Amino acid sequence: MARFEGLHHAEDLRTVAFLTDRAEEWLRASGAGKTWQIGPMKERTLSGGQHQAGTARMADSPRYGATDPFGRVWGTDRVYVADASLHVTNGGANPELTIMALAWRTAAHIAAGG
């Protein structure tokens, strides 16, 4: 049975606060004279449209990631990850199409006998 919830984990909120502060430091270090925070980050909450990512990095060996390049969890035969967890980070753009492409790629791999 799957369970979905719409709550933010305390660690997500801590990460938002940490990265928001780091972003301001990076901007100032690169020469920004003025910075400001608007919207959800100012209140240290996640935006409604934000995709969380990370926690299950793909890699060529279990030493460097949680899954193989097709999202199969190392040490298992039939456990796959097919969501934004495979991203290390989102970068600067909405990762929705990449998430969909990775899910499709993983599904095609499984269907082909993965």
PDB file of N, CA and C in Angstrom:
ATOM      1  N   MET A   1       0.839  -1.164   0.000  1.00  0.00           N
ATOM      2  CA  MET A   1       0.000   0.000   0.000  1.00  0.00           C
ATOM      3  C   MET A   1       0.894   1.240   0.000  1.00  0.00           C
ATOM      4  N   ALA A   2       0.554   2.194  -0.819  1.00  0.00           N
ATOM      5  CA  ALA A   2       1.280   3.464  -0.869  1.00  0.00           C
ATOM      6  C   ALA A   2       0.566   4.489  -0.006  1.00  0.00           C
ATOM      7  N   ARG A   3       1.343   5.374   0.579  1.00  0.00           N
ATOM      8  CA  ARG A   3       0.774   6.444   1.393  1.00  0.00           C
ATOM      9  C   ARG A   3       1.392   7.759   0.960  1.00  0.00           C
ATOM     10  N   PHE A   4       0.562   8.723   0.676  1.00  0.00           N
ATOM     11  CA  PHE A   4       1.016  10.052   0.286  1.00  0.00           C
ATOM     12  C   PHE A   4       0.570  11.053   1.339  1.00  0.00           C
ATOM     13  N   GLU A   5       1.407  12.034   1.579  1.00  0.00           N
ATOM     14  CA  GLU A   5       1.024  13.096   2.500  1.00  0.00           C
ATOM     15  C   GLU A   5       1.548  14.417   1.967  1.00  0.00           C
ATOM     16  N   GLY A   6       0.939  15.478   2.412  1.00  0.00           N
ATOM     17  CA  GLY A   6       1.320  16.792   1.921  1.00  0.00           C
ATOM     18  C   GLY A   6       2.084  17.607   2.947  1.00  0.00           C
ATOM     19  N   LEU A   7       2.666  16.962   3.909  1.00  0.00           N
ATOM     20  CA  LEU A   7       3.384  17.672   4.957  1.00  0.00           C
ATOM     21  C   LEU A   7       4.854  17.823   4.593  1.00  0.00           C
ATOM     22  N   HIS A   8       5.462  18.885   5.101  1.00  0.00           N
ATOM     23  CA  HIS A   8       6.891  19.079   4.897  1.00  0.00           C
ATOM     24  C   HIS A   8       7.640  18.508   6.088  1.00  0.00           C
ATOM     25  N   HIS A   9       8.618  17.693   5.800  1.00  0.00           N
ATOM     26  CA  HIS A   9       9.447  17.123   6.850  1.00  0.00           C
ATOM     27  C   HIS A   9      10.344  18.216   7.424  1.00  0.00           C
ATOM     28  N   ALA A  10      10.629  18.145   8.691  1.00  0.00           N
ATOM     29  CA  ALA A  10      11.470  19.153   9.341  1.00  0.00           C
ATOM     30  C   ALA A  10      12.827  19.274   8.656  1.00  0.00           C
ATOM     31  N   GLU A  11      13.348  18.169   8.160  1.00  0.00           N
ATOM     32  CA  GLU A  11      14.651  18.209   7.474  1.00  0.00           C
ATOM     33  C   GLU A  11      14.561  18.988   6.162  1.00  0.00           C
ATOM     34  N   ASP A  12      13.425  18.881   5.445  1.00  0.00           N
ATOM     35  CA  ASP A  12      13.231  19.679   4.232  1.00  0.00           C
ATOM     36  C   ASP A  12      13.289  21.167   4.559  1.00  0.00           C
ATOM     37  N   LEU A  13      12.619  21.558   5.624  1.00  0.00           N
ATOM     38  CA  LEU A  13      12.594  22.971   6.006  1.00  0.00           C
ATOM     39  C   LEU A  13      13.973  23.440   6.457  1.00  0.00           C
ATOM     40  N   ARG A  14      14.702  22.587   7.160  1.00  0.00           N
ATOM     41  CA  ARG A  14      16.065  22.935   7.579  1.00  0.00           C
ATOM     42  C   ARG A  14      16.956  23.120   6.352  1.00  0.00           C
ATOM     43  N   THR A  15      16.793  22.249   5.357  1.00  0.00           N
ATOM     44  CA  THR A  15      17.585  22.342   4.139  1.00  0.00           C
ATOM     45  C   THR A  15      17.261  23.621   3.373  1.00  0.00           C
ATOM     46  N   VAL A  16      15.981  23.971   3.294  1.00  0.00           N
ATOM     47  CA  VAL A  16      15.586  25.214   2.624  1.00  0.00           C
ATOM     48  C   VAL A  16      16.266  26.404   3.296  1.00  0.00           C
ATOM     49  N   ALA A  17      16.227  26.450   4.622  1.00  0.00           N
ATOM     50  CA  ALA A  17      16.840  27.564   5.348  1.00  0.00           C
ATOM     51  C   ALA A  17      18.346  27.602   5.091  1.00  0.00           C
ATOM     52  N   PHE A  18      18.983  26.449   5.144  1.00  0.00           N
ATOM     53  CA  PHE A  18      20.430  26.378   4.924  1.00  0.00           C
ATOM     54  C   PHE A  18      20.797  26.859   3.525  1.00  0.00           C
ATOM     55  N   LEU A  19      20.106  26.338   2.503  1.00  0.00           N
ATOM     56  CA  LEU A  19      20.436  26.701   1.128  1.00  0.00           C
ATOM     57  C   LEU A  19      20.079  28.143   0.800  1.00  0.00           C
ATOM     58  N   THR A  20      19.019  28.656   1.415  1.00  0.00           N
ATOM     59  CA  THR A  20      18.665  30.062   1.207  1.00  0.00           C
ATOM     60  C   THR A  20      19.773  30.961   1.741  1.00  0.00           C
ATOM     61  N   ASP A  21      20.283  30.646   2.911  1.00  0.00           N
ATOM     62  CA  ASP A  21      21.378  31.432   3.476  1.00  0.00           C
ATOM     63  C   ASP A  21      22.646  31.294   2.640  1.00  0.00           C
ATOM     64  N   ARG A  22      22.939  30.080   2.177  1.00  0.00           N
ATOM     65  CA  ARG A  22      24.135  29.879   1.339  1.00  0.00           C
ATOM     66  C   ARG A  22      24.003  30.654   0.028  1.00  0.00           C
ATOM     67  N   ALA A  23      22.803  30.652  -0.561  1.00  0.00           N
ATOM     68  CA  ALA A  23      22.603  31.367  -1.819  1.00  0.00           C
ATOM     69  C   ALA A  23      22.918  32.848  -1.642  1.00  0.00           C
ATOM     70  N   GLU A  24      22.491  33.408  -0.525  1.00  0.00           N
ATOM     71  CA  GLU A  24      22.787  34.826  -0.279  1.00  0.00           C
ATOM     72  C   GLU A  24      24.296  35.029  -0.122  1.00  0.00           C
ATOM     73  N   GLU A  25      24.972  34.138   0.592  1.00  0.00           N
ATOM     74  CA  GLU A  25      26.427  34.227   0.734  1.00  0.00           C
ATOM     75  C   GLU A  25      27.123  34.155  -0.622  1.00  0.00           C
ATOM     76  N   TRP A  26      26.665  33.229  -1.477  1.00  0.00           N
ATOM     77  CA  TRP A  26      27.293  33.058  -2.798  1.00  0.00           C
ATOM     78  C   TRP A  26      27.095  34.300  -3.654  1.00  0.00           C
ATOM     79  N   LEU A  27      25.898  34.886  -3.587  1.00  0.00           N
ATOM     80  CA  LEU A  27      25.643  36.106  -4.355  1.00  0.00           C
ATOM     81  C   LEU A  27      26.549  37.239  -3.887  1.00  0.00           C
ATOM     82  N   ARG A  28      26.674  37.402  -2.584  1.00  0.00           N
ATOM     83  CA  ARG A  28      27.532  38.465  -2.055  1.00  0.00           C
ATOM     84  C   ARG A  28      28.998  38.203  -2.419  1.00  0.00           C
ATOM     85  N   ALA A  29      29.426  36.961  -2.330  1.00  0.00           N
ATOM     86  CA  ALA A  29      30.813  36.622  -2.678  1.00  0.00           C
ATOM     87  C   ALA A  29      31.103  36.874  -4.156  1.00  0.00           C
ATOM     88  N   SER A  30      30.077  36.799  -4.988  1.00  0.00           N
ATOM     89  CA  SER A  30      30.285  37.031  -6.422  1.00  0.00           C
ATOM     90  C   SER A  30      30.120  38.500  -6.798  1.00  0.00           C
ATOM     91  N   GLY A  31      29.909  39.362  -5.777  1.00  0.00           N
ATOM     92  CA  GLY A  31      29.882  40.791  -6.038  1.00  0.00           C
ATOM     93  C   GLY A  31      28.534  41.464  -5.943  1.00  0.00           C
ATOM     94  N   ALA A  32      27.493  40.731  -5.597  1.00  0.00           N
ATOM     95  CA  ALA A  32      26.172  41.357  -5.484  1.00  0.00           C
ATOM     96  C   ALA A  32      26.190  42.369  -4.347  1.00  0.00           C
ATOM     97  N   GLY A  33      25.739  43.577  -4.647  1.00  0.00           N
ATOM     98  CA  GLY A  33      25.695  44.616  -3.633  1.00  0.00           C
ATOM     99  C   GLY A  33      24.441  44.550  -2.781  1.00  0.00           C
ATOM    100  N   LYS A  34      23.394  44.012  -3.341  1.00  0.00           N
ATOM    101  CA  LYS A  34      22.123  43.932  -2.625  1.00  0.00           C
ATOM    102  C   LYS A  34      21.459  42.605  -2.965  1.00  0.00           C
ATOM    103  N   THR A  35      20.928  41.955  -1.964  1.00  0.00           N
ATOM    104  CA  THR A  35      20.148  40.726  -2.178  1.00  0.00           C
ATOM    105  C   THR A  35      18.852  40.852  -1.403  1.00  0.00           C
ATOM    106  N   TRP A  36      17.862  40.104  -1.797  1.00  0.00           N
ATOM    107  CA  TRP A  36      16.599  40.080  -1.074  1.00  0.00           C
ATOM    108  C   TRP A  36      15.923  38.752  -1.349  1.00  0.00           C
ATOM    109  N   GLN A  37      15.062  38.389  -0.439  1.00  0.00           N
ATOM    110  CA  GLN A  37      14.319  37.147  -0.580  1.00  0.00           C
ATOM    111  C   GLN A  37      12.850  37.486  -0.737  1.00  0.00           C
ATOM    112  N   ILE A  38      12.228  36.823  -1.683  1.00  0.00           N
ATOM    113  CA  ILE A  38      10.798  37.036  -1.897  1.00  0.00           C
ATOM    114  C   ILE A  38      10.081  35.708  -1.869  1.00  0.00           C
ATOM    115  N   GLY A  39       8.810  35.755  -1.690  1.00  0.00           N
ATOM    116  CA  GLY A  39       7.993  34.550  -1.762  1.00  0.00           C
ATOM    117  C   GLY A  39       8.281  33.569  -0.653  1.00  0.00           C
ATOM    118  N   PRO A  40       8.081  32.284  -0.937  1.00  0.00           N
ATOM    119  CA  PRO A  40       8.142  31.250   0.094  1.00  0.00           C
ATOM    120  C   PRO A  40       9.486  31.153   0.806  1.00  0.00           C
ATOM    121  N   MET A  41      10.591  31.404   0.095  1.00  0.00           N
ATOM    122  CA  MET A  41      11.885  31.230   0.740  1.00  0.00           C
ATOM    123  C   MET A  41      12.089  32.233   1.866  1.00  0.00           C
ATOM    124  N   LYS A  42      11.484  33.401   1.731  1.00  0.00           N
ATOM    125  CA  LYS A  42      11.593  34.404   2.783  1.00  0.00           C
ATOM    126  C   LYS A  42      11.034  33.857   4.090  1.00  0.00           C
ATOM    127  N   GLU A  43       9.960  33.103   3.996  1.00  0.00           N
ATOM    128  CA  GLU A  43       9.340  32.532   5.190  1.00  0.00           C
ATOM    129  C   GLU A  43       9.938  31.174   5.558  1.00  0.00           C
ATOM    130  N   ARG A  44      10.922  30.745   4.809  1.00  0.00           N
ATOM    131  CA  ARG A  44      11.582  29.459   5.067  1.00  0.00           C
ATOM    132  C   ARG A  44      10.623  28.276   4.922  1.00  0.00           C
ATOM    133  N   THR A  45       9.794  28.331   3.904  1.00  0.00           N
ATOM    134  CA  THR A  45       8.910  27.211   3.603  1.00  0.00           C
ATOM    135  C   THR A  45       9.127  26.808   2.156  1.00  0.00           C
ATOM    136  N   LEU A  46       8.705  25.621   1.811  1.00  0.00           N
ATOM    137  CA  LEU A  46       8.844  25.143   0.442  1.00  0.00           C
ATOM    138  C   LEU A  46       7.746  25.727  -0.428  1.00  0.00           C
ATOM    139  N   SER A  47       8.083  25.991  -1.661  1.00  0.00           N
ATOM    140  CA  SER A  47       7.054  26.469  -2.580  1.00  0.00           C
ATOM    141  C   SER A  47       6.156  25.315  -2.985  1.00  0.00           C
ATOM    142  N   GLY A  48       4.938  25.627  -3.361  1.00  0.00           N
ATOM    143  CA  GLY A  48       3.990  24.592  -3.743  1.00  0.00           C
ATOM    144  C   GLY A  48       4.409  23.832  -4.984  1.00  0.00           C
ATOM    145  N   GLY A  49       5.187  24.456  -5.865  1.00  0.00           N
ATOM    146  CA  GLY A  49       5.567  23.807  -7.110  1.00  0.00           C
ATOM    147  C   GLY A  49       6.968  23.236  -7.100  1.00  0.00           C
ATOM    148  N   GLN A  50       7.599  23.190  -5.954  1.00  0.00           N
ATOM    149  CA  GLN A  50       8.985  22.726  -5.896  1.00  0.00           C
ATOM    150  C   GLN A  50       9.045  21.203  -5.896  1.00  0.00           C
ATOM    151  N   HIS A  51       9.920  20.664  -6.710  1.00  0.00           N
ATOM    152  CA  HIS A  51      10.155  19.220  -6.724  1.00  0.00           C
ATOM    153  C   HIS A  51      11.354  18.918  -5.847  1.00  0.00           C
ATOM    154  N   GLN A  52      11.160  18.108  -4.848  1.00  0.00           N
ATOM    155  CA  GLN A  52      12.288  17.690  -4.031  1.00  0.00           C
ATOM    156  C   GLN A  52      13.105  16.682  -4.829  1.00  0.00           C
ATOM    157  N   ALA A  53      14.391  16.691  -4.665  1.00  0.00           N
ATOM    158  CA  ALA A  53      15.256  15.803  -5.440  1.00  0.00           C
ATOM    159  C   ALA A  53      16.393  15.300  -4.573  1.00  0.00           C
ATOM    160  N   GLY A  54      17.038  14.266  -5.082  1.00  0.00           N
ATOM    161  CA  GLY A  54      18.181  13.708  -4.388  1.00  0.00           C
ATOM    162  C   GLY A  54      17.807  12.506  -3.556  1.00  0.00           C
ATOM    163  N   THR A  55      18.720  12.012  -2.808  1.00  0.00           N
ATOM    164  CA  THR A  55      18.616  10.902  -1.855  1.00  0.00           C
ATOM    165  C   THR A  55      18.841   9.538  -2.466  1.00  0.00           C
ATOM    166  N   ALA A  56      18.838   9.385  -3.779  1.00  0.00           N
ATOM    167  CA  ALA A  56      19.060   8.072  -4.401  1.00  0.00           C
ATOM    168  C   ALA A  56      19.867   8.241  -5.686  1.00  0.00           C
ATOM    169  N   ARG A  57      21.057   8.756  -5.582  1.00  0.00           N
ATOM    170  CA  ARG A  57      21.897   9.050  -6.740  1.00  0.00           C
ATOM    171  C   ARG A  57      22.169   7.808  -7.590  1.00  0.00           C
ATOM    172  N   MET A  58      22.116   7.987  -8.915  1.00  0.00           N
ATOM    173  CA  MET A  58      22.496   6.922  -9.855  1.00  0.00           C
ATOM    174  C   MET A  58      24.013   6.917  -9.978  1.00  0.00           C
ATOM    175  N   ALA A  59      24.591   5.721 -10.138  1.00  0.00           N
ATOM    176  CA  ALA A  59      26.038   5.617 -10.305  1.00  0.00           C
ATOM    177  C   ALA A  59      26.396   4.288 -10.952  1.00  0.00           C
ATOM    178  N   ASP A  60      27.624   4.199 -11.401  1.00  0.00           N
ATOM    179  CA  ASP A  60      28.099   2.966 -12.022  1.00  0.00           C
ATOM    180  C   ASP A  60      28.490   1.905 -11.010  1.00  0.00           C
ATOM    181  N   SER A  61      28.559   2.271  -9.737  1.00  0.00           N
ATOM    182  CA  SER A  61      28.884   1.283  -8.704  1.00  0.00           C
ATOM    183  C   SER A  61      28.188   1.682  -7.408  1.00  0.00           C
ATOM    184  N   PRO A  62      27.956   0.716  -6.521  1.00  0.00           N
ATOM    185  CA  PRO A  62      27.301   1.031  -5.254  1.00  0.00           C
ATOM    186  C   PRO A  62      28.135   1.943  -4.361  1.00  0.00           C
ATOM    187  N   ARG A  63      29.403   2.040  -4.651  1.00  0.00           N
ATOM    188  CA  ARG A  63      30.262   2.929  -3.858  1.00  0.00           C
ATOM    189  C   ARG A  63      29.859   4.395  -4.028  1.00  0.00           C
ATOM    190  N   TYR A  64      29.346   4.757  -5.206  1.00  0.00           N
ATOM    191  CA  TYR A  64      29.077   6.158  -5.505  1.00  0.00           C
ATOM    192  C   TYR A  64      27.599   6.519  -5.599  1.00  0.00           C
ATOM    193  N   GLY A  65      26.711   5.542  -5.494  1.00  0.00           N
ATOM    194  CA  GLY A  65      25.294   5.864  -5.598  1.00  0.00           C
ATOM    195  C   GLY A  65      24.413   4.765  -5.041  1.00  0.00           C
ATOM    196  N   ALA A  66      23.152   5.102  -4.869  1.00  0.00           N
ATOM    197  CA  ALA A  66      22.181   4.162  -4.312  1.00  0.00           C
ATOM    198  C   ALA A  66      21.594   3.239  -5.372  1.00  0.00           C
ATOM    199  N   THR A  67      21.625   3.688  -6.652  1.00  0.00           N
ATOM    200  CA  THR A  67      21.050   2.871  -7.726  1.00  0.00           C
ATOM    201  C   THR A  67      22.026   2.754  -8.882  1.00  0.00           C
ATOM    202  N   ASP A  68      21.771   1.780  -9.741  1.00  0.00           N
ATOM    203  CA  ASP A  68      22.541   1.690 -10.975  1.00  0.00           C
ATOM    204  C   ASP A  68      22.014   2.751 -11.949  1.00  0.00           C
ATOM    205  N   PRO A  69      22.620   2.880 -13.141  1.00  0.00           N
ATOM    206  CA  PRO A  69      22.184   3.939 -14.063  1.00  0.00           C
ATOM    207  C   PRO A  69      20.732   3.837 -14.541  1.00  0.00           C
ATOM    208  N   PHE A  70      20.072   2.708 -14.291  1.00  0.00           N
ATOM    209  CA  PHE A  70      18.666   2.565 -14.670  1.00  0.00           C
ATOM    210  C   PHE A  70      17.727   2.702 -13.476  1.00  0.00           C
ATOM    211  N   GLY A  71      18.244   3.060 -12.315  1.00  0.00           N
ATOM    212  CA  GLY A  71      17.408   3.264 -11.142  1.00  0.00           C
ATOM    213  C   GLY A  71      17.200   2.034 -10.285  1.00  0.00           C
ATOM    214  N   ARG A  72      17.854   0.905 -10.627  1.00  0.00           N
ATOM    215  CA  ARG A  72      17.714  -0.307  -9.806  1.00  0.00           C
ATOM    216  C   ARG A  72      18.562  -0.139  -8.556  1.00  0.00           C
ATOM    217  N   VAL A  73      17.956  -0.363  -7.385  1.00  0.00           N
ATOM    218  CA  VAL A  73      18.665  -0.232  -6.119  1.00  0.00           C
ATOM    219  C   VAL A  73      19.732  -1.322  -6.045  1.00  0.00           C
ATOM    220  N   TRP A  74      20.968  -0.895  -5.779  1.00  0.00           N
ATOM    221  CA  TRP A  74      22.068  -1.854  -5.685  1.00  0.00           C
ATOM    222  C   TRP A  74      21.748  -2.932  -4.657  1.00  0.00           C
ATOM    223  N   GLY A  75      22.084  -4.171  -4.964  1.00  0.00           N
ATOM    224  CA  GLY A  75      21.863  -5.290  -4.052  1.00  0.00           C
ATOM    225  C   GLY A  75      20.475  -5.892  -4.141  1.00  0.00           C
ATOM    226  N   THR A  76      19.656  -5.412  -5.080  1.00  0.00           N
ATOM    227  CA  THR A  76      18.313  -5.963  -5.256  1.00  0.00           C
ATOM    228  C   THR A  76      18.139  -6.409  -6.700  1.00  0.00           C
ATOM    229  N   ASP A  77      17.156  -7.248  -6.931  1.00  0.00           N
ATOM    230  CA  ASP A  77      16.855  -7.690  -8.291  1.00  0.00           C
ATOM    231  C   ASP A  77      15.699  -6.916  -8.914  1.00  0.00           C
ATOM    232  N   ARG A  78      14.735  -6.492  -8.086  1.00  0.00           N
ATOM    233  CA  ARG A  78      13.515  -5.905  -8.647  1.00  0.00           C
ATOM    234  C   ARG A  78      13.030  -4.660  -7.908  1.00  0.00           C
ATOM    235  N   VAL A  79      13.921  -3.927  -7.295  1.00  0.00           N
ATOM    236  CA  VAL A  79      13.532  -2.683  -6.627  1.00  0.00           C
ATOM    237  C   VAL A  79      14.135  -1.528  -7.410  1.00  0.00           C
ATOM    238  N   TYR A  80      13.261  -0.707  -7.970  1.00  0.00           N
ATOM    239  CA  TYR A  80      13.686   0.416  -8.805  1.00  0.00           C
ATOM    240  C   TYR A  80      13.176   1.730  -8.242  1.00  0.00           C
ATOM    241  N   VAL A  81      13.914   2.787  -8.485  1.00  0.00           N
ATOM    242  CA  VAL A  81      13.502   4.149  -8.164  1.00  0.00           C
ATOM    243  C   VAL A  81      13.253   4.846  -9.495  1.00  0.00           C
ATOM    244  N   ALA A  82      12.118   5.490  -9.640  1.00  0.00           N
ATOM    245  CA  ALA A  82      11.785   6.162 -10.904  1.00  0.00           C
ATOM    246  C   ALA A  82      11.145   7.516 -10.621  1.00  0.00           C
ATOM    247  N   ASP A  83      11.853   8.348  -9.873  1.00  0.00           N
ATOM    248  CA  ASP A  83      11.329   9.673  -9.548  1.00  0.00           C
ATOM    249  C   ASP A  83      12.481  10.657  -9.403  1.00  0.00           C
ATOM    250  N   ALA A  84      12.217  11.799  -8.815  1.00  0.00           N
ATOM    251  CA  ALA A  84      13.231  12.849  -8.691  1.00  0.00           C
ATOM    252  C   ALA A  84      14.343  12.488  -7.723  1.00  0.00           C
ATOM    253  N   SER A  85      14.198  11.383  -7.011  1.00  0.00           N
ATOM    254  CA  SER A  85      15.261  10.964  -6.101  1.00  0.00           C
ATOM    255  C   SER A  85      16.571  10.712  -6.819  1.00  0.00           C
ATOM    256  N   LEU A  86      16.496  10.384  -8.102  1.00  0.00           N
ATOM    257  CA  LEU A  86      17.709  10.079  -8.862  1.00  0.00           C
ATOM    258  C   LEU A  86      18.551  11.314  -9.164  1.00  0.00           C
ATOM    259  N   HIS A  87      17.968  12.503  -9.005  1.00  0.00           N
ATOM    260  CA  HIS A  87      18.718  13.743  -9.217  1.00  0.00           C
ATOM    261  C   HIS A  87      19.604  14.018  -8.019  1.00  0.00           C
ATOM    262  N   VAL A  88      20.792  14.533  -8.286  1.00  0.00           N
ATOM    263  CA  VAL A  88      21.610  15.007  -7.180  1.00  0.00           C
ATOM    264  C   VAL A  88      21.038  16.335  -6.695  1.00  0.00           C
ATOM    265  N   THR A  89      20.655  17.184  -7.648  1.00  0.00           N
ATOM    266  CA  THR A  89      20.033  18.460  -7.351  1.00  0.00           C
ATOM    267  C   THR A  89      19.221  18.882  -8.568  1.00  0.00           C
ATOM    268  N   ASN A  90      18.352  19.850  -8.387  1.00  0.00           N
ATOM    269  CA  ASN A  90      17.525  20.298  -9.500  1.00  0.00           C
ATOM    270  C   ASN A  90      18.205  21.303 -10.406  1.00  0.00           C
ATOM    271  N   GLY A  91      19.251  21.918  -9.964  1.00  0.00           N
ATOM    272  CA  GLY A  91      19.869  22.945 -10.787  1.00  0.00           C
ATOM    273  C   GLY A  91      19.008  24.195 -10.822  1.00  0.00           C
ATOM    274  N   GLY A  92      18.921  24.844 -11.986  1.00  0.00           N
ATOM    275  CA  GLY A  92      18.226  26.111 -12.047  1.00  0.00           C
ATOM    276  C   GLY A  92      16.917  26.097 -12.799  1.00  0.00           C
ATOM    277  N   ALA A  93      16.416  24.935 -13.160  1.00  0.00           N
ATOM    278  CA  ALA A  93      15.173  24.883 -13.930  1.00  0.00           C
ATOM    279  C   ALA A  93      14.282  23.765 -13.399  1.00  0.00           C
ATOM    280  N   ASN A  94      13.005  23.862 -13.701  1.00  0.00           N
ATOM    281  CA  ASN A  94      12.059  22.840 -13.287  1.00  0.00           C
ATOM    282  C   ASN A  94      12.463  21.498 -13.910  1.00  0.00           C
ATOM    283  N   PRO A  95      12.655  20.465 -13.089  1.00  0.00           N
ATOM    284  CA  PRO A  95      13.143  19.181 -13.591  1.00  0.00           C
ATOM    285  C   PRO A  95      12.050  18.227 -14.059  1.00  0.00           C
ATOM    286  N   GLU A  96      10.818  18.715 -14.211  1.00  0.00           N
ATOM    287  CA  GLU A  96       9.699  17.827 -14.506  1.00  0.00           C
ATOM    288  C   GLU A  96       9.943  16.936 -15.721  1.00  0.00           C
ATOM    289  N   LEU A  97      10.437  17.507 -16.825  1.00  0.00           N
ATOM    290  CA  LEU A  97      10.656  16.701 -18.031  1.00  0.00           C
ATOM    291  C   LEU A  97      11.769  15.680 -17.832  1.00  0.00           C
ATOM    292  N   THR A  98      12.783  16.037 -17.082  1.00  0.00           N
ATOM    293  CA  THR A  98      13.859  15.076 -16.796  1.00  0.00           C
ATOM    294  C   THR A  98      13.337  13.952 -15.914  1.00  0.00           C
ATOM    295  N   ILE A  99      12.519  14.283 -14.937  1.00  0.00           N
ATOM    296  CA  ILE A  99      11.919  13.257 -14.075  1.00  0.00           C
ATOM    297  C   ILE A  99      11.082  12.300 -14.919  1.00  0.00           C
ATOM    298  N   MET A 100      10.281  12.851 -15.815  1.00  0.00           N
ATOM    299  CA  MET A 100       9.455  12.008 -16.691  1.00  0.00           C
ATOM    300  C   MET A 100      10.327  11.139 -17.594  1.00  0.00           C
ATOM    301  N   ALA A 101      11.388  11.712 -18.148  1.00  0.00           N
ATOM    302  CA  ALA A 101      12.285  10.946 -19.031  1.00  0.00           C
ATOM    303  C   ALA A 101      12.967   9.814 -18.274  1.00  0.00           C
ATOM    304  N   LEU A 102      13.419  10.082 -17.062  1.00  0.00           N
ATOM    305  CA  LEU A 102      14.049   9.027 -16.268  1.00  0.00           C
ATOM    306  C   LEU A 102      13.063   7.926 -15.913  1.00  0.00           C
ATOM    307  N   ALA A 103      11.837   8.300 -15.571  1.00  0.00           N
ATOM    308  CA  ALA A 103      10.819   7.296 -15.253  1.00  0.00           C
ATOM    309  C   ALA A 103      10.521   6.434 -16.477  1.00  0.00           C
ATOM    310  N   TRP A 104      10.411   7.074 -17.647  1.00  0.00           N
ATOM    311  CA  TRP A 104      10.165   6.335 -18.889  1.00  0.00           C
ATOM    312  C   TRP A 104      11.332   5.395 -19.182  1.00  0.00           C
ATOM    313  N   ARG A 105      12.544   5.901 -19.022  1.00  0.00           N
ATOM    314  CA  ARG A 105      13.749   5.093 -19.283  1.00  0.00           C
ATOM    315  C   ARG A 105      13.796   3.880 -18.341  1.00  0.00           C
ATOM    316  N   THR A 106      13.496   4.096 -17.085  1.00  0.00           N
ATOM    317  CA  THR A 106      13.492   3.004 -16.114  1.00  0.00           C
ATOM    318  C   THR A 106      12.419   1.982 -16.478  1.00  0.00           C
ATOM    319  N   ALA A 107      11.219   2.454 -16.811  1.00  0.00           N
ATOM    320  CA  ALA A 107      10.121   1.552 -17.188  1.00  0.00           C
ATOM    321  C   ALA A 107      10.473   0.761 -18.441  1.00  0.00           C
ATOM    322  N   ALA A 108      11.074   1.397 -19.429  1.00  0.00           N
ATOM    323  CA  ALA A 108      11.466   0.688 -20.653  1.00  0.00           C
ATOM    324  C   ALA A 108      12.516  -0.375 -20.349  1.00  0.00           C
ATOM    325  N   HIS A 109      13.442  -0.061 -19.448  1.00  0.00           N
ATOM    326  CA  HIS A 109      14.477  -1.017 -19.060  1.00  0.00           C
ATOM    327  C   HIS A 109      13.849  -2.241 -18.375  1.00  0.00           C
ATOM    328  N   ILE A 110      12.903  -1.983 -17.472  1.00  0.00           N
ATOM    329  CA  ILE A 110      12.215  -3.090 -16.780  1.00  0.00           C
ATOM    330  C   ILE A 110      11.433  -3.926 -17.781  1.00  0.00           C
ATOM    331  N   ALA A 111      10.707  -3.258 -18.674  1.00  0.00           N
ATOM    332  CA  ALA A 111       9.886  -3.972 -19.678  1.00  0.00           C
ATOM    333  C   ALA A 111      10.744  -4.818 -20.615  1.00  0.00           C
ATOM    334  N   ALA A 112      11.975  -4.376 -20.852  1.00  0.00           N
ATOM    335  CA  ALA A 112      12.886  -5.127 -21.737  1.00  0.00           C
ATOM    336  C   ALA A 112      13.563  -6.282 -21.012  1.00  0.00           C
ATOM    337  N   GLY A 113      13.236  -6.477 -19.755  1.00  0.00           N
ATOM    338  CA  GLY A 113      13.796  -7.598 -19.011  1.00  0.00           C
ATOM    339  C   GLY A 113      14.818  -7.179 -17.982  1.00  0.00           C
ATOM    340  N   GLY A 114      15.026  -5.860 -17.874  1.00  0.00           N
ATOM    341  CA  GLY A 114      15.936  -5.212 -16.938  1.00  0.00           C
ATOM    342  C   GLY A 114      16.567  -6.080 -15.956  1.00  0.00           C
TER     343      GLY A 114
END
